[in-house]
Amino acid sequence: MNKSELITAIAEHANLSKADAGRGLEAIMNTLETALKADDTVTLVGFGNFEVKQRAERTGRNPQTGQAITIAAAKVPSFKAGKGLKDAVNG
């Protein structure tokens, strides 16, 4: 499912116009992004948690030359599914 299909599904389930559903989805995505930039955790009970994790610096290999390179430390967004979502997916 891509973004436009998600907007269509939201519009149908919530009895909204596609424009309203699109604005709602954009608002949710912007709010998640803002919270994660501030190193906050977003918890949606029954659905899951969005958080930022720290990835340590590590050594990798350049696939073209085989030369060892250093991959810088980075913050990475992470999602951990909640029990309700896991149960729904597993039937």
PDB file of N, CA and C in Angstrom:
ATOM      1  N   MET A   1       0.856  -1.170   0.000  1.00  0.00           N
ATOM      2  CA  MET A   1       0.000   0.000   0.000  1.00  0.00           C
ATOM      3  C   MET A   1       0.901   1.232   0.000  1.00  0.00           C
ATOM      4  N   ASN A   2       0.664   2.142  -0.947  1.00  0.00           N
ATOM      5  CA  ASN A   2       1.435   3.375  -0.976  1.00  0.00           C
ATOM      6  C   ASN A   2       0.642   4.498  -0.299  1.00  0.00           C
ATOM      7  N   LYS A   3       1.208   5.702  -0.298  1.00  0.00           N
ATOM      8  CA  LYS A   3       0.609   6.810   0.437  1.00  0.00           C
ATOM      9  C   LYS A   3      -0.776   7.162  -0.102  1.00  0.00           C
ATOM     10  N   SER A   4      -0.939   7.220  -1.407  1.00  0.00           N
ATOM     11  CA  SER A   4      -2.247   7.595  -1.952  1.00  0.00           C
ATOM     12  C   SER A   4      -3.299   6.527  -1.655  1.00  0.00           C
ATOM     13  N   GLU A   5      -2.902   5.257  -1.675  1.00  0.00           N
ATOM     14  CA  GLU A   5      -3.834   4.188  -1.316  1.00  0.00           C
ATOM     15  C   GLU A   5      -4.206   4.274   0.161  1.00  0.00           C
ATOM     16  N   LEU A   6      -3.247   4.634   1.007  1.00  0.00           N
ATOM     17  CA  LEU A   6      -3.519   4.801   2.433  1.00  0.00           C
ATOM     18  C   LEU A   6      -4.493   5.949   2.656  1.00  0.00           C
ATOM     19  N   ILE A   7      -4.302   7.058   1.957  1.00  0.00           N
ATOM     20  CA  ILE A   7      -5.212   8.196   2.080  1.00  0.00           C
ATOM     21  C   ILE A   7      -6.623   7.792   1.661  1.00  0.00           C
ATOM     22  N   THR A   8      -6.743   7.048   0.572  1.00  0.00           N
ATOM     23  CA  THR A   8      -8.050   6.581   0.115  1.00  0.00           C
ATOM     24  C   THR A   8      -8.703   5.684   1.163  1.00  0.00           C
ATOM     25  N   ALA A   9      -7.937   4.773   1.755  1.00  0.00           N
ATOM     26  CA  ALA A   9      -8.470   3.877   2.782  1.00  0.00           C
ATOM     27  C   ALA A   9      -8.913   4.654   4.019  1.00  0.00           C
ATOM     28  N   ILE A  10      -8.123   5.635   4.430  1.00  0.00           N
ATOM     29  CA  ILE A  10      -8.490   6.458   5.589  1.00  0.00           C
ATOM     30  C   ILE A  10      -9.781   7.204   5.301  1.00  0.00           C
ATOM     31  N   ALA A  11      -9.878   7.779   4.109  1.00  0.00           N
ATOM     32  CA  ALA A  11     -11.077   8.526   3.730  1.00  0.00           C
ATOM     33  C   ALA A  11     -12.317   7.643   3.781  1.00  0.00           C
ATOM     34  N   GLU A  12     -12.199   6.422   3.285  1.00  0.00           N
ATOM     35  CA  GLU A  12     -13.339   5.503   3.283  1.00  0.00           C
ATOM     36  C   GLU A  12     -13.719   5.065   4.698  1.00  0.00           C
ATOM     37  N   HIS A  13     -12.721   4.716   5.518  1.00  0.00           N
ATOM     38  CA  HIS A  13     -13.002   4.222   6.881  1.00  0.00           C
ATOM     39  C   HIS A  13     -13.539   5.312   7.793  1.00  0.00           C
ATOM     40  N   ALA A  14     -13.076   6.551   7.613  1.00  0.00           N
ATOM     41  CA  ALA A  14     -13.476   7.636   8.504  1.00  0.00           C
ATOM     42  C   ALA A  14     -14.566   8.517   7.902  1.00  0.00           C
ATOM     43  N   ASN A  15     -15.049   8.145   6.700  1.00  0.00           N
ATOM     44  CA  ASN A  15     -16.080   8.929   6.015  1.00  0.00           C
ATOM     45  C   ASN A  15     -15.647  10.385   5.848  1.00  0.00           C
ATOM     46  N   LEU A  16     -14.423  10.564   5.335  1.00  0.00           N
ATOM     47  CA  LEU A  16     -13.853  11.888   5.085  1.00  0.00           C
ATOM     48  C   LEU A  16     -13.585  12.047   3.600  1.00  0.00           C
ATOM     49  N   SER A  17     -13.363  13.288   3.193  1.00  0.00           N
ATOM     50  CA  SER A  17     -12.909  13.501   1.817  1.00  0.00           C
ATOM     51  C   SER A  17     -11.440  13.092   1.743  1.00  0.00           C
ATOM     52  N   LYS A  18     -10.987  12.813   0.529  1.00  0.00           N
ATOM     53  CA  LYS A  18      -9.577  12.455   0.368  1.00  0.00           C
ATOM     54  C   LYS A  18      -8.673  13.608   0.783  1.00  0.00           C
ATOM     55  N   ALA A  19      -9.090  14.836   0.533  1.00  0.00           N
ATOM     56  CA  ALA A  19      -8.291  16.007   0.914  1.00  0.00           C
ATOM     57  C   ALA A  19      -8.136  16.071   2.435  1.00  0.00           C
ATOM     58  N   ASP A  20      -9.238  15.858   3.159  1.00  0.00           N
ATOM     59  CA  ASP A  20      -9.181  15.873   4.628  1.00  0.00           C
ATOM     60  C   ASP A  20      -8.327  14.724   5.153  1.00  0.00           C
ATOM     61  N   ALA A  21      -8.483  13.547   4.575  1.00  0.00           N
ATOM     62  CA  ALA A  21      -7.685  12.394   4.993  1.00  0.00           C
ATOM     63  C   ALA A  21      -6.209  12.649   4.717  1.00  0.00           C
ATOM     64  N   GLY A  22      -5.888  13.254   3.583  1.00  0.00           N
ATOM     65  CA  GLY A  22      -4.501  13.576   3.247  1.00  0.00           C
ATOM     66  C   GLY A  22      -3.907  14.563   4.222  1.00  0.00           C
ATOM     67  N   ARG A  23      -4.675  15.600   4.587  1.00  0.00           N
ATOM     68  CA  ARG A  23      -4.181  16.586   5.559  1.00  0.00           C
ATOM     69  C   ARG A  23      -3.980  15.929   6.922  1.00  0.00           C
ATOM     70  N   GLY A  24      -4.882  15.024   7.298  1.00  0.00           N
ATOM     71  CA  GLY A  24      -4.737  14.319   8.572  1.00  0.00           C
ATOM     72  C   GLY A  24      -3.495  13.450   8.598  1.00  0.00           C
ATOM     73  N   LEU A  25      -3.255  12.721   7.512  1.00  0.00           N
ATOM     74  CA  LEU A  25      -2.065  11.870   7.438  1.00  0.00           C
ATOM     75  C   LEU A  25      -0.797  12.713   7.478  1.00  0.00           C
ATOM     76  N   GLU A  26      -0.772  13.818   6.740  1.00  0.00           N
ATOM     77  CA  GLU A  26       0.392  14.718   6.762  1.00  0.00           C
ATOM     78  C   GLU A  26       0.635  15.255   8.163  1.00  0.00           C
ATOM     79  N   ALA A  27      -0.446  15.611   8.886  1.00  0.00           N
ATOM     80  CA  ALA A  27      -0.319  16.118  10.253  1.00  0.00           C
ATOM     81  C   ALA A  27       0.281  15.058  11.172  1.00  0.00           C
ATOM     82  N   ILE A  28      -0.169  13.823  11.021  1.00  0.00           N
ATOM     83  CA  ILE A  28       0.366  12.735  11.843  1.00  0.00           C
ATOM     84  C   ILE A  28       1.851  12.526  11.543  1.00  0.00           C
ATOM     85  N   MET A  29       2.193  12.477  10.266  1.00  0.00           N
ATOM     86  CA  MET A  29       3.594  12.247   9.891  1.00  0.00           C
ATOM     87  C   MET A  29       4.487  13.393  10.363  1.00  0.00           C
ATOM     88  N   ASN A  30       4.025  14.639  10.232  1.00  0.00           N
ATOM     89  CA  ASN A  30       4.815  15.788  10.693  1.00  0.00           C
ATOM     90  C   ASN A  30       4.985  15.780  12.204  1.00  0.00           C
ATOM     91  N   THR A  31       3.936  15.401  12.923  1.00  0.00           N
ATOM     92  CA  THR A  31       4.011  15.341  14.380  1.00  0.00           C
ATOM     93  C   THR A  31       4.980  14.249  14.838  1.00  0.00           C
ATOM     94  N   LEU A  32       4.926  13.076  14.192  1.00  0.00           N
ATOM     95  CA  LEU A  32       5.874  12.000  14.512  1.00  0.00           C
ATOM     96  C   LEU A  32       7.309  12.454  14.247  1.00  0.00           C
ATOM     97  N   GLU A  33       7.523  13.086  13.104  1.00  0.00           N
ATOM     98  CA  GLU A  33       8.863  13.552  12.744  1.00  0.00           C
ATOM     99  C   GLU A  33       9.387  14.568  13.764  1.00  0.00           C
ATOM    100  N   THR A  34       8.535  15.511  14.153  1.00  0.00           N
ATOM    101  CA  THR A  34       8.936  16.529  15.133  1.00  0.00           C
ATOM    102  C   THR A  34       9.284  15.887  16.472  1.00  0.00           C
ATOM    103  N   ALA A  35       8.464  14.950  16.917  1.00  0.00           N
ATOM    104  CA  ALA A  35       8.713  14.277  18.196  1.00  0.00           C
ATOM    105  C   ALA A  35      10.009  13.474  18.145  1.00  0.00           C
ATOM    106  N   LEU A  36      10.244  12.749  17.060  1.00  0.00           N
ATOM    107  CA  LEU A  36      11.456  11.936  16.956  1.00  0.00           C
ATOM    108  C   LEU A  36      12.701  12.816  16.846  1.00  0.00           C
ATOM    109  N   LYS A  37      12.600  13.959  16.173  1.00  0.00           N
ATOM    110  CA  LYS A  37      13.730  14.888  16.108  1.00  0.00           C
ATOM    111  C   LYS A  37      14.111  15.374  17.498  1.00  0.00           C
ATOM    112  N   ALA A  38      13.115  15.499  18.377  1.00  0.00           N
ATOM    113  CA  ALA A  38      13.342  15.948  19.751  1.00  0.00           C
ATOM    114  C   ALA A  38      13.702  14.782  20.676  1.00  0.00           C
ATOM    115  N   ASP A  39      13.980  13.612  20.102  1.00  0.00           N
ATOM    116  CA  ASP A  39      14.325  12.400  20.858  1.00  0.00           C
ATOM    117  C   ASP A  39      13.209  11.932  21.789  1.00  0.00           C
ATOM    118  N   ASP A  40      11.964  12.255  21.460  1.00  0.00           N
ATOM    119  CA  ASP A  40      10.821  11.767  22.219  1.00  0.00           C
ATOM    120  C   ASP A  40      10.409  10.401  21.680  1.00  0.00           C
ATOM    121  N   THR A  41       9.741   9.636  22.509  1.00  0.00           N
ATOM    122  CA  THR A  41       9.142   8.369  22.092  1.00  0.00           C
ATOM    123  C   THR A  41       7.651   8.599  21.917  1.00  0.00           C
ATOM    124  N   VAL A  42       7.096   8.097  20.830  1.00  0.00           N
ATOM    125  CA  VAL A  42       5.661   8.207  20.590  1.00  0.00           C
ATOM    126  C   VAL A  42       5.065   6.822  20.803  1.00  0.00           C
ATOM    127  N   THR A  43       4.164   6.704  21.780  1.00  0.00           N
ATOM    128  CA  THR A  43       3.551   5.428  22.123  1.00  0.00           C
ATOM    129  C   THR A  43       2.080   5.458  21.762  1.00  0.00           C
ATOM    130  N   LEU A  44       1.670   4.532  20.915  1.00  0.00           N
ATOM    131  CA  LEU A  44       0.265   4.352  20.570  1.00  0.00           C
ATOM    132  C   LEU A  44      -0.138   2.995  21.149  1.00  0.00           C
ATOM    133  N   VAL A  45      -0.806   3.019  22.292  1.00  0.00           N
ATOM    134  CA  VAL A  45      -1.139   1.805  23.021  1.00  0.00           C
ATOM    135  C   VAL A  45      -1.896   0.840  22.108  1.00  0.00           C
ATOM    136  N   GLY A  46      -1.425  -0.392  22.067  1.00  0.00           N
ATOM    137  CA  GLY A  46      -2.035  -1.422  21.239  1.00  0.00           C
ATOM    138  C   GLY A  46      -1.496  -1.455  19.818  1.00  0.00           C
ATOM    139  N   PHE A  47      -0.831  -0.374  19.382  1.00  0.00           N
ATOM    140  CA  PHE A  47      -0.285  -0.318  18.028  1.00  0.00           C
ATOM    141  C   PHE A  47       1.227  -0.466  18.059  1.00  0.00           C
ATOM    142  N   GLY A  48       1.915   0.391  18.832  1.00  0.00           N
ATOM    143  CA  GLY A  48       3.358   0.267  18.931  1.00  0.00           C
ATOM    144  C   GLY A  48       4.032   1.553  19.357  1.00  0.00           C
ATOM    145  N   ASN A  49       5.363   1.517  19.362  1.00  0.00           N
ATOM    146  CA  ASN A  49       6.184   2.649  19.786  1.00  0.00           C
ATOM    147  C   ASN A  49       7.107   3.089  18.660  1.00  0.00           C
ATOM    148  N   PHE A  50       7.183   4.393  18.458  1.00  0.00           N
ATOM    149  CA  PHE A  50       8.164   4.989  17.565  1.00  0.00           C
ATOM    150  C   PHE A  50       9.209   5.637  18.454  1.00  0.00           C
ATOM    151  N   GLU A  51      10.485   5.379  18.181  1.00  0.00           N
ATOM    152  CA  GLU A  51      11.551   5.980  18.979  1.00  0.00           C
ATOM    153  C   GLU A  51      12.802   6.132  18.142  1.00  0.00           C
ATOM    154  N   VAL A  52      13.776   6.851  18.689  1.00  0.00           N
ATOM    155  CA  VAL A  52      15.057   7.045  18.024  1.00  0.00           C
ATOM    156  C   VAL A  52      16.091   6.223  18.775  1.00  0.00           C
ATOM    157  N   LYS A  53      16.855   5.440  18.032  1.00  0.00           N
ATOM    158  CA  LYS A  53      17.931   4.647  18.623  1.00  0.00           C
ATOM    159  C   LYS A  53      19.268   5.154  18.099  1.00  0.00           C
ATOM    160  N   GLN A  54      20.301   4.984  18.892  1.00  0.00           N
ATOM    161  CA  GLN A  54      21.643   5.406  18.516  1.00  0.00           C
ATOM    162  C   GLN A  54      22.395   4.223  17.939  1.00  0.00           C
ATOM    163  N   ARG A  55      22.879   4.365  16.722  1.00  0.00           N
ATOM    164  CA  ARG A  55      23.698   3.324  16.102  1.00  0.00           C
ATOM    165  C   ARG A  55      25.163   3.735  16.266  1.00  0.00           C
ATOM    166  N   ALA A  56      25.976   2.856  16.819  1.00  0.00           N
ATOM    167  CA  ALA A  56      27.383   3.150  17.087  1.00  0.00           C
ATOM    168  C   ALA A  56      28.194   3.193  15.790  1.00  0.00           C
ATOM    169  N   GLU A  57      29.320   3.872  15.861  1.00  0.00           N
ATOM    170  CA  GLU A  57      30.258   3.867  14.732  1.00  0.00           C
ATOM    171  C   GLU A  57      30.749   2.447  14.517  1.00  0.00           C
ATOM    172  N   ARG A  58      30.933   2.084  13.248  1.00  0.00           N
ATOM    173  CA  ARG A  58      31.381   0.727  12.969  1.00  0.00           C
ATOM    174  C   ARG A  58      32.243   0.706  11.716  1.00  0.00           C
ATOM    175  N   THR A  59      32.891  -0.405  11.511  1.00  0.00           N
ATOM    176  CA  THR A  59      33.745  -0.580  10.342  1.00  0.00           C
ATOM    177  C   THR A  59      33.001  -1.394   9.305  1.00  0.00           C
ATOM    178  N   GLY A  60      33.063  -0.928   8.062  1.00  0.00           N
ATOM    179  CA  GLY A  60      32.440  -1.644   6.960  1.00  0.00           C
ATOM    180  C   GLY A  60      33.442  -1.820   5.837  1.00  0.00           C
ATOM    181  N   ARG A  61      32.989  -2.300   4.713  1.00  0.00           N
ATOM    182  CA  ARG A  61      33.853  -2.507   3.548  1.00  0.00           C
ATOM    183  C   ARG A  61      33.244  -1.823   2.338  1.00  0.00           C
ATOM    184  N   ASN A  62      34.092  -1.173   1.553  1.00  0.00           N
ATOM    185  CA  ASN A  62      33.677  -0.623   0.272  1.00  0.00           C
ATOM    186  C   ASN A  62      33.492  -1.810  -0.672  1.00  0.00           C
ATOM    187  N   PRO A  63      32.284  -2.030  -1.202  1.00  0.00           N
ATOM    188  CA  PRO A  63      32.049  -3.217  -2.026  1.00  0.00           C
ATOM    189  C   PRO A  63      32.825  -3.211  -3.348  1.00  0.00           C
ATOM    190  N   GLN A  64      33.208  -2.036  -3.839  1.00  0.00           N
ATOM    191  CA  GLN A  64      33.947  -1.977  -5.101  1.00  0.00           C
ATOM    192  C   GLN A  64      35.425  -2.297  -4.924  1.00  0.00           C
ATOM    193  N   THR A  65      35.999  -1.811  -3.813  1.00  0.00           N
ATOM    194  CA  THR A  65      37.445  -1.989  -3.629  1.00  0.00           C
ATOM    195  C   THR A  65      37.799  -2.986  -2.534  1.00  0.00           C
ATOM    196  N   GLY A  66      36.851  -3.279  -1.648  1.00  0.00           N
ATOM    197  CA  GLY A  66      37.137  -4.168  -0.529  1.00  0.00           C
ATOM    198  C   GLY A  66      37.860  -3.460   0.608  1.00  0.00           C
ATOM    199  N   GLN A  67      38.124  -2.172   0.442  1.00  0.00           N
ATOM    200  CA  GLN A  67      38.848  -1.394   1.454  1.00  0.00           C
ATOM    201  C   GLN A  67      37.965  -1.156   2.676  1.00  0.00           C
ATOM    202  N   ALA A  68      38.556  -1.246   3.866  1.00  0.00           N
ATOM    203  CA  ALA A  68      37.827  -0.991   5.105  1.00  0.00           C
ATOM    204  C   ALA A  68      37.501   0.498   5.200  1.00  0.00           C
ATOM    205  N   ILE A  69      36.267   0.807   5.591  1.00  0.00           N
ATOM    206  CA  ILE A  69      35.862   2.191   5.794  1.00  0.00           C
ATOM    207  C   ILE A  69      35.163   2.293   7.142  1.00  0.00           C
ATOM    208  N   THR A  70      35.145   3.508   7.683  1.00  0.00           N
ATOM    209  CA  THR A  70      34.453   3.752   8.944  1.00  0.00           C
ATOM    210  C   THR A  70      33.084   4.335   8.631  1.00  0.00           C
ATOM    211  N   ILE A  71      32.059   3.703   9.172  1.00  0.00           N
ATOM    212  CA  ILE A  71      30.696   4.181   9.017  1.00  0.00           C
ATOM    213  C   ILE A  71      30.360   4.960  10.289  1.00  0.00           C
ATOM    214  N   ALA A  72      29.999   6.218  10.113  1.00  0.00           N
ATOM    215  CA  ALA A  72      29.782   7.113  11.253  1.00  0.00           C
ATOM    216  C   ALA A  72      28.593   6.670  12.108  1.00  0.00           C
ATOM    217  N   ALA A  73      28.634   7.057  13.374  1.00  0.00           N
ATOM    218  CA  ALA A  73      27.509   6.821  14.278  1.00  0.00           C
ATOM    219  C   ALA A  73      26.322   7.622  13.765  1.00  0.00           C
ATOM    220  N   ALA A  74      25.116   7.139  14.034  1.00  0.00           N
ATOM    221  CA  ALA A  74      23.927   7.829  13.550  1.00  0.00           C
ATOM    222  C   ALA A  74      22.735   7.536  14.447  1.00  0.00           C
ATOM    223  N   LYS A  75      21.777   8.442  14.411  1.00  0.00           N
ATOM    224  CA  LYS A  75      20.490   8.206  15.045  1.00  0.00           C
ATOM    225  C   LYS A  75      19.591   7.588  13.982  1.00  0.00           C
ATOM    226  N   VAL A  76      18.839   6.554  14.356  1.00  0.00           N
ATOM    227  CA  VAL A  76      17.945   5.904  13.403  1.00  0.00           C
ATOM    228  C   VAL A  76      16.552   5.764  14.019  1.00  0.00           C
ATOM    229  N   PRO A  77      15.516   6.059  13.240  1.00  0.00           N
ATOM    230  CA  PRO A  77      14.160   5.867  13.754  1.00  0.00           C
ATOM    231  C   PRO A  77      13.852   4.380  13.852  1.00  0.00           C
ATOM    232  N   SER A  78      13.052   4.023  14.849  1.00  0.00           N
ATOM    233  CA  SER A  78      12.736   2.622  15.083  1.00  0.00           C
ATOM    234  C   SER A  78      11.256   2.494  15.438  1.00  0.00           C
ATOM    235  N   PHE A  79      10.657   1.377  15.037  1.00  0.00           N
ATOM    236  CA  PHE A  79       9.272   1.085  15.396  1.00  0.00           C
ATOM    237  C   PHE A  79       9.215  -0.297  16.007  1.00  0.00           C
ATOM    238  N   LYS A  80       8.564  -0.402  17.142  1.00  0.00           N
ATOM    239  CA  LYS A  80       8.354  -1.695  17.774  1.00  0.00           C
ATOM    240  C   LYS A  80       6.851  -1.914  17.884  1.00  0.00           C
ATOM    241  N   ALA A  81       6.370  -2.966  17.238  1.00  0.00           N
ATOM    242  CA  ALA A  81       4.935  -3.253  17.222  1.00  0.00           C
ATOM    243  C   ALA A  81       4.434  -3.632  18.609  1.00  0.00           C
ATOM    244  N   GLY A  82       3.226  -3.169  18.926  1.00  0.00           N
ATOM    245  CA  GLY A  82       2.586  -3.489  20.190  1.00  0.00           C
ATOM    246  C   GLY A  82       1.828  -4.803  20.105  1.00  0.00           C
ATOM    247  N   LYS A  83       1.355  -5.270  21.246  1.00  0.00           N
ATOM    248  CA  LYS A  83       0.668  -6.551  21.306  1.00  0.00           C
ATOM    249  C   LYS A  83      -0.579  -6.577  20.427  1.00  0.00           C
ATOM    250  N   GLY A  84      -1.353  -5.513  20.435  1.00  0.00           N
ATOM    251  CA  GLY A  84      -2.578  -5.473  19.635  1.00  0.00           C
ATOM    252  C   GLY A  84      -2.306  -5.620  18.153  1.00  0.00           C
ATOM    253  N   LEU A  85      -1.273  -4.958  17.656  1.00  0.00           N
ATOM    254  CA  LEU A  85      -0.916  -5.053  16.248  1.00  0.00           C
ATOM    255  C   LEU A  85      -0.379  -6.444  15.931  1.00  0.00           C
ATOM    256  N   LYS A  86       0.462  -6.969  16.802  1.00  0.00           N
ATOM    257  CA  LYS A  86       0.996  -8.323  16.588  1.00  0.00           C
ATOM    258  C   LYS A  86      -0.130  -9.347  16.532  1.00  0.00           C
ATOM    259  N   ASP A  87      -1.079  -9.244  17.460  1.00  0.00           N
ATOM    260  CA  ASP A  87      -2.205 -10.170  17.483  1.00  0.00           C
ATOM    261  C   ASP A  87      -3.052 -10.058  16.216  1.00  0.00           C
ATOM    262  N   ALA A  88      -3.263  -8.824  15.743  1.00  0.00           N
ATOM    263  CA  ALA A  88      -4.065  -8.613  14.532  1.00  0.00           C
ATOM    264  C   ALA A  88      -3.385  -9.221  13.305  1.00  0.00           C
ATOM    265  N   VAL A  89      -2.071  -9.073  13.224  1.00  0.00           N
ATOM    266  CA  VAL A  89      -1.330  -9.599  12.085  1.00  0.00           C
ATOM    267  C   VAL A  89      -1.304 -11.136  12.121  1.00  0.00           C
ATOM    268  N   ASN A  90      -1.202 -11.687  13.305  1.00  0.00           N
ATOM    269  CA  ASN A  90      -1.098 -13.137  13.433  1.00  0.00           C
ATOM    270  C   ASN A  90      -2.456 -13.841  13.494  1.00  0.00           C
ATOM    271  N   GLY A  91      -3.519 -13.082  13.330  1.00  0.00           N
ATOM    272  CA  GLY A  91      -4.846 -13.686  13.245  1.00  0.00           C
ATOM    273  C   GLY A  91      -5.489 -13.882  14.552  1.00  0.00           C
TER     274      GLY A  91
END
